[in-house]
N, C-alpha and C. Protein backbone atom coordinates (compact mmCIF):
# COMPACT_ATOMS: atom_id res chain seq x y z
N MET A 1 169.56 19.90 78.19
CA MET A 1 170.29 20.82 79.06
C MET A 1 171.77 20.52 79.05
N LYS A 2 172.09 19.21 79.13
CA LYS A 2 173.49 18.83 79.14
C LYS A 2 174.13 19.15 77.80
N ARG A 3 173.36 18.99 76.70
CA ARG A 3 173.90 19.29 75.39
C ARG A 3 174.23 20.77 75.28
N THR A 4 173.36 21.63 75.82
CA THR A 4 173.61 23.06 75.77
C THR A 4 174.87 23.42 76.51
N VAL A 5 175.09 22.79 77.66
CA VAL A 5 176.31 23.04 78.42
C VAL A 5 177.53 22.63 77.61
N LEU A 6 177.41 21.54 76.86
CA LEU A 6 178.53 21.10 76.04
C LEU A 6 178.85 22.12 74.95
N ILE A 7 177.83 22.77 74.40
CA ILE A 7 178.06 23.79 73.38
C ILE A 7 178.84 24.95 73.97
N ILE A 8 178.47 25.37 75.19
CA ILE A 8 179.18 26.46 75.84
C ILE A 8 180.62 26.06 76.10
N ALA A 9 180.82 24.83 76.54
CA ALA A 9 182.18 24.36 76.79
C ALA A 9 182.99 24.37 75.51
N LEU A 10 182.36 24.06 74.39
CA LEU A 10 183.05 24.07 73.11
C LEU A 10 183.48 25.47 72.73
N LEU A 11 182.65 26.46 73.04
CA LEU A 11 182.97 27.85 72.72
C LEU A 11 184.05 28.42 73.63
N ALA A 12 184.17 27.89 74.83
CA ALA A 12 185.15 28.42 75.78
C ALA A 12 186.56 28.10 75.31
N VAL A 13 187.50 29.01 75.68
CA VAL A 13 188.89 28.79 75.34
C VAL A 13 189.50 27.87 76.37
N GLY A 14 190.11 26.80 75.90
CA GLY A 14 190.71 25.85 76.84
C GLY A 14 191.62 24.89 76.11
N SER A 15 192.16 23.95 76.83
CA SER A 15 193.03 22.95 76.23
C SER A 15 192.48 21.57 76.51
N ILE A 16 192.74 20.63 75.60
CA ILE A 16 192.26 19.27 75.74
C ILE A 16 193.32 18.44 76.43
N ALA A 17 192.93 17.74 77.48
CA ALA A 17 193.89 16.93 78.21
C ALA A 17 194.44 15.83 77.33
N ALA A 18 195.71 15.49 77.56
CA ALA A 18 196.37 14.50 76.71
C ALA A 18 195.69 13.15 76.79
N GLY A 19 195.13 12.81 77.95
CA GLY A 19 194.52 11.50 78.11
C GLY A 19 193.04 11.48 77.84
N ALA A 20 192.48 12.50 77.22
CA ALA A 20 191.04 12.58 76.99
C ALA A 20 190.59 11.47 76.05
N GLN A 21 189.38 10.96 76.30
CA GLN A 21 188.82 9.90 75.47
C GLN A 21 188.49 10.45 74.10
N THR A 22 188.89 9.71 73.05
CA THR A 22 188.67 10.20 71.69
C THR A 22 187.88 9.22 70.83
N THR A 23 187.52 8.08 71.37
CA THR A 23 186.72 7.10 70.63
C THR A 23 185.55 6.63 71.49
N VAL A 24 184.47 6.26 70.81
CA VAL A 24 183.26 5.81 71.50
C VAL A 24 183.28 4.29 71.61
N SER A 25 182.85 3.78 72.76
CA SER A 25 182.78 2.34 72.96
C SER A 25 181.82 1.72 71.94
N GLU A 26 182.26 0.68 71.27
CA GLU A 26 181.45 0.09 70.21
C GLU A 26 180.14 -0.50 70.74
N ASP A 27 180.17 -1.03 71.98
CA ASP A 27 178.96 -1.63 72.53
C ASP A 27 177.89 -0.59 72.85
N LYS A 28 178.28 0.70 72.90
CA LYS A 28 177.32 1.76 73.21
C LYS A 28 176.97 2.61 71.99
N ARG A 29 177.71 2.45 70.90
CA ARG A 29 177.60 3.38 69.78
C ARG A 29 176.18 3.52 69.26
N ALA A 30 175.50 2.43 69.03
CA ALA A 30 174.15 2.49 68.46
C ALA A 30 173.21 3.27 69.36
N ASP A 31 173.29 3.02 70.67
CA ASP A 31 172.42 3.73 71.61
C ASP A 31 172.81 5.20 71.72
N LEU A 32 174.11 5.48 71.66
CA LEU A 32 174.56 6.87 71.72
C LEU A 32 174.11 7.65 70.49
N VAL A 33 174.15 7.00 69.34
CA VAL A 33 173.66 7.65 68.10
C VAL A 33 172.19 7.99 68.24
N GLU A 34 171.43 7.09 68.82
CA GLU A 34 169.99 7.33 69.03
C GLU A 34 169.77 8.47 70.01
N LEU A 35 170.56 8.52 71.09
CA LEU A 35 170.43 9.58 72.08
C LEU A 35 170.76 10.94 71.47
N VAL A 36 171.86 11.00 70.72
CA VAL A 36 172.26 12.26 70.08
C VAL A 36 171.19 12.72 69.09
N LYS A 37 170.58 11.79 68.38
CA LYS A 37 169.52 12.13 67.43
C LYS A 37 168.34 12.77 68.15
N ILE A 38 168.01 12.22 69.33
CA ILE A 38 166.92 12.78 70.13
C ILE A 38 167.27 14.20 70.57
N LEU A 39 168.48 14.38 71.06
CA LEU A 39 168.92 15.69 71.53
C LEU A 39 168.95 16.69 70.38
N ASN A 40 169.38 16.25 69.21
CA ASN A 40 169.47 17.14 68.05
C ASN A 40 168.11 17.62 67.57
N SER A 41 167.09 16.86 67.84
CA SER A 41 165.77 17.21 67.30
C SER A 41 165.20 18.47 67.93
N HIS A 42 165.81 18.96 69.03
CA HIS A 42 165.27 20.12 69.72
C HIS A 42 166.24 21.30 69.82
N ILE A 43 167.48 21.09 69.42
CA ILE A 43 168.47 22.16 69.56
C ILE A 43 169.26 22.33 68.27
N ASN A 44 169.37 23.56 67.81
CA ASN A 44 170.20 23.89 66.65
C ASN A 44 171.44 24.63 67.13
N SER A 45 172.59 24.03 66.93
CA SER A 45 173.83 24.58 67.45
C SER A 45 174.13 25.96 66.89
N ASN A 46 173.91 26.15 65.59
CA ASN A 46 174.23 27.44 64.97
C ASN A 46 173.35 28.56 65.52
N ASP A 47 172.08 28.25 65.77
CA ASP A 47 171.20 29.26 66.37
C ASP A 47 171.70 29.63 67.76
N PHE A 48 172.15 28.62 68.49
CA PHE A 48 172.66 28.88 69.84
C PHE A 48 173.91 29.74 69.79
N ILE A 49 174.78 29.47 68.81
CA ILE A 49 176.02 30.24 68.67
C ILE A 49 175.71 31.71 68.42
N GLN A 50 174.75 31.96 67.55
CA GLN A 50 174.37 33.34 67.25
C GLN A 50 173.86 34.03 68.51
N ALA A 51 173.04 33.34 69.27
CA ALA A 51 172.52 33.92 70.50
C ALA A 51 173.64 34.15 71.51
N PHE A 52 174.56 33.21 71.58
CA PHE A 52 175.69 33.35 72.49
C PHE A 52 176.53 34.57 72.13
N LEU A 53 176.77 34.76 70.83
CA LEU A 53 177.56 35.91 70.39
C LEU A 53 176.84 37.22 70.66
N ARG A 54 175.52 37.21 70.58
CA ARG A 54 174.77 38.43 70.90
C ARG A 54 174.95 38.79 72.37
N GLN A 55 174.99 37.77 73.23
CA GLN A 55 175.23 38.04 74.65
C GLN A 55 176.63 38.61 74.87
N GLN A 56 177.60 38.11 74.10
CA GLN A 56 178.96 38.64 74.19
C GLN A 56 178.99 40.10 73.74
N ASP A 57 178.18 40.43 72.75
CA ASP A 57 178.10 41.81 72.28
C ASP A 57 177.67 42.74 73.40
N VAL A 58 176.69 42.30 74.18
CA VAL A 58 176.20 43.12 75.29
C VAL A 58 177.32 43.41 76.27
N ALA A 59 178.09 42.38 76.60
CA ALA A 59 179.20 42.54 77.55
C ALA A 59 180.26 43.49 77.00
N GLU A 60 180.60 43.33 75.72
CA GLU A 60 181.63 44.17 75.11
C GLU A 60 181.17 45.62 75.01
N ASN A 61 179.90 45.82 74.74
CA ASN A 61 179.37 47.19 74.68
C ASN A 61 179.52 47.89 76.02
N GLU A 62 179.23 47.17 77.10
CA GLU A 62 179.36 47.75 78.44
C GLU A 62 180.82 48.07 78.75
N ILE A 63 181.72 47.22 78.32
CA ILE A 63 183.15 47.46 78.55
C ILE A 63 183.61 48.71 77.83
N ILE A 64 183.16 48.89 76.58
CA ILE A 64 183.53 50.09 75.83
C ILE A 64 183.04 51.34 76.53
N LYS A 65 181.80 51.31 76.99
CA LYS A 65 181.26 52.48 77.70
C LYS A 65 182.05 52.77 78.96
N SER A 66 182.46 51.72 79.66
CA SER A 66 183.24 51.89 80.87
C SER A 66 184.61 52.48 80.57
N VAL A 67 185.25 51.98 79.50
CA VAL A 67 186.57 52.48 79.11
C VAL A 67 186.51 53.95 78.73
N VAL A 68 185.49 54.31 77.97
CA VAL A 68 185.33 55.70 77.53
C VAL A 68 185.06 56.61 78.72
N ALA A 69 184.23 56.15 79.66
CA ALA A 69 183.89 56.95 80.82
C ALA A 69 185.10 57.26 81.68
N GLU A 70 186.10 56.37 81.67
CA GLU A 70 187.30 56.58 82.48
C GLU A 70 188.23 57.64 81.90
N ARG A 71 188.00 57.99 80.65
CA ARG A 71 188.86 59.00 80.02
C ARG A 71 188.41 60.41 80.43
N LYS A 72 188.69 60.74 81.67
CA LYS A 72 188.30 62.05 82.20
C LYS A 72 189.10 63.18 81.57
N ASP A 73 190.23 62.82 80.92
CA ASP A 73 191.06 63.85 80.30
C ASP A 73 190.46 64.35 78.99
N LEU A 74 189.42 63.67 78.51
CA LEU A 74 188.79 64.08 77.25
C LEU A 74 187.52 64.89 77.52
N SER A 75 187.21 65.75 76.58
CA SER A 75 185.96 66.50 76.68
C SER A 75 184.79 65.58 76.33
N ALA A 76 183.57 66.05 76.58
CA ALA A 76 182.39 65.23 76.31
C ALA A 76 182.31 64.86 74.83
N SER A 77 182.60 65.81 73.97
CA SER A 77 182.54 65.54 72.53
C SER A 77 183.64 64.56 72.11
N GLU A 78 184.81 64.67 72.73
CA GLU A 78 185.90 63.75 72.42
C GLU A 78 185.59 62.35 72.89
N ARG A 79 184.96 62.23 74.06
CA ARG A 79 184.57 60.90 74.54
C ARG A 79 183.51 60.27 73.63
N LYS A 80 182.59 61.09 73.17
CA LYS A 80 181.57 60.59 72.25
C LYS A 80 182.19 60.11 70.95
N LYS A 81 183.17 60.84 70.46
CA LYS A 81 183.86 60.46 69.24
C LYS A 81 184.66 59.16 69.45
N LEU A 82 185.31 59.05 70.60
CA LEU A 82 186.07 57.84 70.92
C LEU A 82 185.15 56.63 71.00
N GLU A 83 184.00 56.80 71.64
CA GLU A 83 183.04 55.71 71.75
C GLU A 83 182.57 55.26 70.38
N GLN A 84 182.33 56.21 69.49
CA GLN A 84 181.90 55.89 68.13
C GLN A 84 182.97 55.10 67.39
N ILE A 85 184.23 55.52 67.53
CA ILE A 85 185.34 54.83 66.87
C ILE A 85 185.47 53.40 67.37
N LEU A 86 185.37 53.23 68.69
CA LEU A 86 185.51 51.89 69.27
C LEU A 86 184.36 50.97 68.87
N PHE A 87 183.14 51.52 68.84
CA PHE A 87 182.00 50.71 68.44
C PHE A 87 182.10 50.29 66.98
N GLU A 88 182.57 51.20 66.12
CA GLU A 88 182.72 50.88 64.71
C GLU A 88 183.77 49.79 64.51
N LYS A 89 184.86 49.90 65.22
CA LYS A 89 185.92 48.89 65.13
C LYS A 89 185.42 47.55 65.63
N LEU A 90 184.73 47.57 66.77
CA LEU A 90 184.22 46.33 67.35
C LEU A 90 183.20 45.68 66.43
N SER A 91 182.39 46.49 65.77
CA SER A 91 181.37 45.97 64.86
C SER A 91 182.02 45.23 63.70
N ARG A 92 183.09 45.78 63.15
CA ARG A 92 183.80 45.12 62.05
C ARG A 92 184.44 43.81 62.53
N ASP A 93 185.03 43.86 63.70
CA ASP A 93 185.67 42.67 64.26
C ASP A 93 184.65 41.57 64.53
N ARG A 94 183.47 41.96 65.03
CA ARG A 94 182.42 40.98 65.32
C ARG A 94 181.97 40.27 64.05
N GLU A 95 181.76 41.05 62.99
CA GLU A 95 181.28 40.47 61.73
C GLU A 95 182.31 39.51 61.15
N THR A 96 183.57 39.90 61.20
CA THR A 96 184.64 39.03 60.70
C THR A 96 184.69 37.73 61.49
N PHE A 97 184.58 37.86 62.81
CA PHE A 97 184.64 36.68 63.67
C PHE A 97 183.47 35.75 63.40
N ARG A 98 182.26 36.30 63.32
CA ARG A 98 181.08 35.48 63.07
C ARG A 98 181.22 34.70 61.76
N ASN A 99 181.55 35.42 60.69
CA ASN A 99 181.63 34.80 59.38
C ASN A 99 182.69 33.71 59.32
N ARG A 100 183.85 34.00 59.90
CA ARG A 100 184.94 33.03 59.86
C ARG A 100 184.62 31.80 60.72
N LEU A 101 183.96 32.03 61.85
CA LEU A 101 183.62 30.93 62.74
C LEU A 101 182.63 29.98 62.08
N ILE A 102 181.57 30.53 61.51
CA ILE A 102 180.55 29.72 60.86
C ILE A 102 181.10 29.02 59.62
N GLU A 103 182.01 29.71 58.91
CA GLU A 103 182.59 29.15 57.69
C GLU A 103 183.50 27.95 57.99
N ARG A 104 184.26 28.04 59.05
CA ARG A 104 185.29 27.03 59.32
C ARG A 104 184.87 25.91 60.27
N VAL A 105 183.85 26.16 61.09
CA VAL A 105 183.51 25.18 62.12
C VAL A 105 182.08 24.67 61.93
N ASN A 106 181.94 23.37 61.79
CA ASN A 106 180.63 22.75 61.74
C ASN A 106 180.28 22.33 63.16
N PHE A 107 179.59 23.21 63.85
CA PHE A 107 179.32 22.97 65.26
C PHE A 107 178.39 21.79 65.49
N ASN A 108 177.45 21.56 64.57
CA ASN A 108 176.54 20.43 64.75
C ASN A 108 177.30 19.11 64.80
N GLU A 109 178.22 18.93 63.87
CA GLU A 109 179.00 17.69 63.83
C GLU A 109 179.92 17.58 65.05
N MET A 110 180.57 18.70 65.40
CA MET A 110 181.50 18.68 66.52
C MET A 110 180.78 18.39 67.84
N VAL A 111 179.64 19.03 68.04
CA VAL A 111 178.90 18.84 69.28
C VAL A 111 178.32 17.43 69.35
N ASP A 112 177.91 16.89 68.22
CA ASP A 112 177.43 15.50 68.21
C ASP A 112 178.54 14.57 68.71
N GLU A 113 179.73 14.75 68.18
CA GLU A 113 180.85 13.89 68.56
C GLU A 113 181.21 14.07 70.04
N ILE A 114 181.25 15.35 70.50
CA ILE A 114 181.56 15.63 71.90
C ILE A 114 180.50 15.03 72.82
N THR A 115 179.24 15.14 72.42
CA THR A 115 178.15 14.59 73.23
C THR A 115 178.30 13.08 73.38
N MET A 116 178.59 12.42 72.28
CA MET A 116 178.75 10.97 72.33
C MET A 116 179.92 10.57 73.22
N LEU A 117 181.05 11.26 73.10
CA LEU A 117 182.22 10.95 73.92
C LEU A 117 181.94 11.18 75.40
N ALA A 118 181.27 12.29 75.70
CA ALA A 118 181.00 12.62 77.10
C ALA A 118 180.03 11.63 77.73
N TYR A 119 178.95 11.31 77.02
CA TYR A 119 177.98 10.36 77.56
C TYR A 119 178.58 8.95 77.66
N ASP A 120 179.42 8.62 76.70
CA ASP A 120 180.09 7.32 76.74
C ASP A 120 180.98 7.20 77.96
N LYS A 121 181.61 8.30 78.34
CA LYS A 121 182.53 8.29 79.48
C LYS A 121 181.80 8.20 80.82
N PHE A 122 180.71 8.94 80.95
CA PHE A 122 180.07 9.08 82.26
C PHE A 122 178.82 8.21 82.47
N TYR A 123 178.32 7.59 81.41
CA TYR A 123 177.10 6.79 81.53
C TYR A 123 177.33 5.36 81.05
N THR A 124 176.73 4.43 81.79
CA THR A 124 176.76 3.04 81.36
C THR A 124 175.73 2.84 80.25
N LEU A 125 175.78 1.69 79.61
CA LEU A 125 174.83 1.39 78.55
C LEU A 125 173.41 1.42 79.07
N ASP A 126 173.19 0.85 80.25
CA ASP A 126 171.83 0.85 80.82
C ASP A 126 171.35 2.26 81.13
N GLU A 127 172.26 3.12 81.61
CA GLU A 127 171.89 4.51 81.93
C GLU A 127 171.58 5.30 80.66
N ILE A 128 172.31 5.03 79.59
CA ILE A 128 172.04 5.69 78.31
C ILE A 128 170.65 5.31 77.81
N ARG A 129 170.31 4.05 77.97
CA ARG A 129 168.98 3.59 77.56
C ARG A 129 167.89 4.20 78.44
N ASP A 130 168.21 4.39 79.73
CA ASP A 130 167.27 5.06 80.63
C ASP A 130 167.01 6.50 80.16
N LEU A 131 168.08 7.18 79.73
CA LEU A 131 167.94 8.56 79.23
C LEU A 131 167.09 8.60 77.97
N ILE A 132 167.32 7.65 77.09
CA ILE A 132 166.52 7.60 75.86
C ILE A 132 165.04 7.44 76.21
N ALA A 133 164.77 6.58 77.17
CA ALA A 133 163.38 6.38 77.61
C ALA A 133 162.82 7.64 78.25
N PHE A 134 163.66 8.30 79.09
CA PHE A 134 163.20 9.52 79.78
C PHE A 134 162.85 10.62 78.79
N TYR A 135 163.70 10.82 77.78
CA TYR A 135 163.45 11.88 76.81
C TYR A 135 162.23 11.60 75.93
N GLY A 136 161.67 10.39 76.07
CA GLY A 136 160.43 10.08 75.37
C GLY A 136 159.20 10.40 76.20
N THR A 137 159.39 10.75 77.47
CA THR A 137 158.28 11.10 78.35
C THR A 137 157.93 12.58 78.18
N PRO A 138 156.74 13.00 78.63
CA PRO A 138 156.38 14.43 78.54
C PRO A 138 157.39 15.34 79.23
N THR A 139 157.87 14.94 80.42
CA THR A 139 158.85 15.76 81.13
C THR A 139 160.17 15.80 80.37
N GLY A 140 160.57 14.68 79.81
CA GLY A 140 161.80 14.64 79.04
C GLY A 140 161.73 15.50 77.80
N ILE A 141 160.60 15.45 77.11
CA ILE A 141 160.40 16.27 75.91
C ILE A 141 160.45 17.76 76.27
N LYS A 142 159.80 18.13 77.39
CA LYS A 142 159.83 19.53 77.82
C LYS A 142 161.24 19.94 78.20
N THR A 143 161.98 19.04 78.85
CA THR A 143 163.36 19.33 79.22
C THR A 143 164.19 19.70 77.98
N LEU A 144 164.01 18.95 76.91
CA LEU A 144 164.76 19.21 75.68
C LEU A 144 164.31 20.53 75.03
N LYS A 145 163.00 20.76 75.01
CA LYS A 145 162.48 21.96 74.36
C LYS A 145 162.88 23.24 75.09
N THR A 146 162.97 23.16 76.42
CA THR A 146 163.26 24.37 77.21
C THR A 146 164.75 24.54 77.53
N ALA A 147 165.58 23.56 77.18
CA ALA A 147 167.00 23.61 77.54
C ALA A 147 167.68 24.85 76.98
N GLN A 148 167.50 25.11 75.68
CA GLN A 148 168.17 26.25 75.06
C GLN A 148 167.67 27.59 75.58
N PRO A 149 166.34 27.85 75.55
CA PRO A 149 165.87 29.14 76.09
C PRO A 149 166.20 29.32 77.57
N LEU A 150 166.20 28.22 78.33
CA LEU A 150 166.54 28.31 79.74
C LEU A 150 167.99 28.73 79.94
N MET A 151 168.89 28.16 79.14
CA MET A 151 170.29 28.52 79.23
C MET A 151 170.53 29.95 78.77
N LEU A 152 169.87 30.35 77.69
CA LEU A 152 170.03 31.73 77.19
C LEU A 152 169.50 32.74 78.21
N GLU A 153 168.39 32.40 78.84
CA GLU A 153 167.84 33.28 79.88
C GLU A 153 168.82 33.40 81.04
N SER A 154 169.45 32.28 81.41
CA SER A 154 170.44 32.30 82.49
C SER A 154 171.64 33.16 82.11
N MET A 155 172.08 33.06 80.86
CA MET A 155 173.22 33.85 80.38
C MET A 155 172.89 35.34 80.41
N GLU A 156 171.67 35.68 79.98
CA GLU A 156 171.26 37.09 79.97
C GLU A 156 171.22 37.66 81.39
N LEU A 157 170.68 36.88 82.31
CA LEU A 157 170.62 37.32 83.70
C LEU A 157 172.03 37.45 84.28
N ALA A 158 172.91 36.54 83.90
CA ALA A 158 174.29 36.60 84.38
C ALA A 158 174.97 37.87 83.89
N GLN A 159 174.70 38.25 82.64
CA GLN A 159 175.28 39.47 82.10
C GLN A 159 174.80 40.69 82.89
N LYS A 160 173.52 40.70 83.25
CA LYS A 160 172.96 41.85 83.95
C LYS A 160 173.42 41.92 85.41
N ILE A 161 173.57 40.73 86.03
CA ILE A 161 173.88 40.71 87.45
C ILE A 161 175.38 40.69 87.72
N ILE A 162 176.12 39.88 86.95
CA ILE A 162 177.55 39.69 87.22
C ILE A 162 178.42 40.78 86.60
N LEU A 163 178.12 41.16 85.34
CA LEU A 163 178.99 42.11 84.63
C LEU A 163 179.19 43.42 85.37
N PRO A 164 178.14 44.06 85.92
CA PRO A 164 178.37 45.31 86.65
C PRO A 164 179.34 45.14 87.82
N LYS A 165 179.26 43.99 88.50
CA LYS A 165 180.18 43.73 89.61
C LYS A 165 181.61 43.57 89.11
N VAL A 166 181.76 42.90 87.97
CA VAL A 166 183.09 42.71 87.40
C VAL A 166 183.70 44.05 87.02
N LEU A 167 182.90 44.89 86.37
CA LEU A 167 183.39 46.21 85.97
C LEU A 167 183.72 47.07 87.18
N GLU A 168 182.94 46.90 88.25
CA GLU A 168 183.20 47.65 89.48
C GLU A 168 184.56 47.26 90.07
N VAL A 169 184.84 45.97 90.09
CA VAL A 169 186.13 45.50 90.60
C VAL A 169 187.27 45.99 89.71
N VAL A 170 187.07 45.95 88.40
CA VAL A 170 188.09 46.43 87.47
C VAL A 170 188.38 47.90 87.70
N SER A 171 187.33 48.68 87.89
CA SER A 171 187.49 50.11 88.14
C SER A 171 188.26 50.37 89.43
N GLU A 172 187.89 49.62 90.49
CA GLU A 172 188.57 49.78 91.78
C GLU A 172 190.05 49.44 91.67
N LEU A 173 190.35 48.34 90.98
CA LEU A 173 191.74 47.93 90.82
C LEU A 173 192.54 48.94 90.01
N ASN A 174 191.90 49.51 89.00
CA ASN A 174 192.57 50.53 88.20
C ASN A 174 192.91 51.76 89.05
N GLU A 175 191.96 52.16 89.89
CA GLU A 175 192.20 53.31 90.77
C GLU A 175 193.31 53.00 91.77
N GLU A 176 193.28 51.79 92.35
CA GLU A 176 194.31 51.42 93.32
C GLU A 176 195.68 51.34 92.65
N ARG A 177 195.72 50.80 91.44
CA ARG A 177 196.98 50.71 90.71
C ARG A 177 197.54 52.09 90.38
N GLU A 178 196.63 52.97 89.96
CA GLU A 178 197.05 54.32 89.63
C GLU A 178 197.60 55.04 90.87
N GLU A 179 196.92 54.86 92.01
CA GLU A 179 197.37 55.50 93.25
C GLU A 179 198.72 54.94 93.69
N SER A 180 198.89 53.63 93.57
CA SER A 180 200.15 53.00 93.95
C SER A 180 201.29 53.49 93.08
N LEU A 181 201.06 53.59 91.80
CA LEU A 181 202.10 54.08 90.89
C LEU A 181 202.45 55.54 91.18
N ARG A 182 201.41 56.31 91.51
CA ARG A 182 201.64 57.73 91.82
C ARG A 182 202.52 57.87 93.07
N LYS A 183 202.22 57.07 94.10
CA LYS A 183 203.02 57.14 95.32
C LYS A 183 204.47 56.71 95.07
N THR A 184 204.63 55.67 94.27
CA THR A 184 205.98 55.21 93.93
C THR A 184 206.75 56.28 93.19
N ALA A 185 206.07 56.95 92.27
CA ALA A 185 206.72 58.00 91.49
C ALA A 185 207.11 59.18 92.37
N GLU A 186 206.26 59.49 93.37
CA GLU A 186 206.54 60.62 94.26
C GLU A 186 207.73 60.34 95.17
N GLN A 187 207.97 59.07 95.46
CA GLN A 187 209.08 58.71 96.35
C GLN A 187 210.44 58.80 95.68
N LEU A 188 210.43 58.76 94.39
CA LEU A 188 211.69 58.85 93.66
C LEU A 188 212.18 60.30 93.63
N LYS A 189 213.38 60.51 94.13
CA LYS A 189 213.95 61.86 94.16
C LYS A 189 214.74 62.11 92.88
N PRO A 190 214.67 63.31 92.35
CA PRO A 190 215.43 63.60 91.13
C PRO A 190 216.93 63.59 91.40
N MET A 191 217.67 63.12 90.43
CA MET A 191 219.12 63.08 90.57
C MET A 191 219.68 64.49 90.45
N ARG A 192 220.56 64.84 91.38
CA ARG A 192 221.17 66.17 91.36
C ARG A 192 222.41 66.16 90.49
N LYS A 193 222.49 67.14 89.66
CA LYS A 193 223.67 67.25 88.80
C LYS A 193 224.84 67.83 89.58
N ASP A 194 226.01 67.28 89.36
CA ASP A 194 227.21 67.76 90.03
C ASP A 194 227.71 69.01 89.30
N THR A 195 227.51 70.18 89.94
CA THR A 195 227.84 71.45 89.28
C THR A 195 229.31 71.84 89.50
N ARG A 196 230.00 71.04 90.35
CA ARG A 196 231.38 71.38 90.60
C ARG A 196 232.25 71.03 89.40
N ARG A 197 233.19 71.88 89.12
CA ARG A 197 234.11 71.65 88.02
C ARG A 197 235.16 70.63 88.45
N ARG A 198 235.42 69.75 87.54
CA ARG A 198 236.42 68.76 87.83
C ARG A 198 237.82 69.39 87.66
N LYS A 199 238.71 69.14 88.62
CA LYS A 199 240.06 69.71 88.54
C LYS A 199 241.01 68.71 87.87
């Protein structure tokens, strides 16, 4: 479960703190390697990335539909055409992004290193050994096997429950912004031209 969270953190846009730990304690390295090996036996990072991107596709599709629906100035056929254009463009962008990401980033290696650094920082040697022992138990094995589908299920539910609320807020803010701009524009009086001839 913790490894899956680390993968999501890796995909998120952010910055690395200047003082972040970049090396693993030598006295823990052997045990950390064993722990990462156990975690790796149940999770494939590339499979997770593909699933994560599919969830992003769902969110982007909803955004496109929302954007098109707001174009009240267009006819039904024009909105349908606009939606088609946007989906085609997004499809090309998605494919380019997927290919370039997989080509340039070895997520398995990166996540292994991040996992080791994170566990080294927050767990003592004895606690790391406790985790290794736990993941050898039936409950530990089930925890590893269900971590990825459990996280993906949570992401899917979040898309269904949270995204509509986000789009609702965006729509409300757009309406409020439009109304505010309209009122501001109405308050501006046109400049009167001086029709008097200069002497």
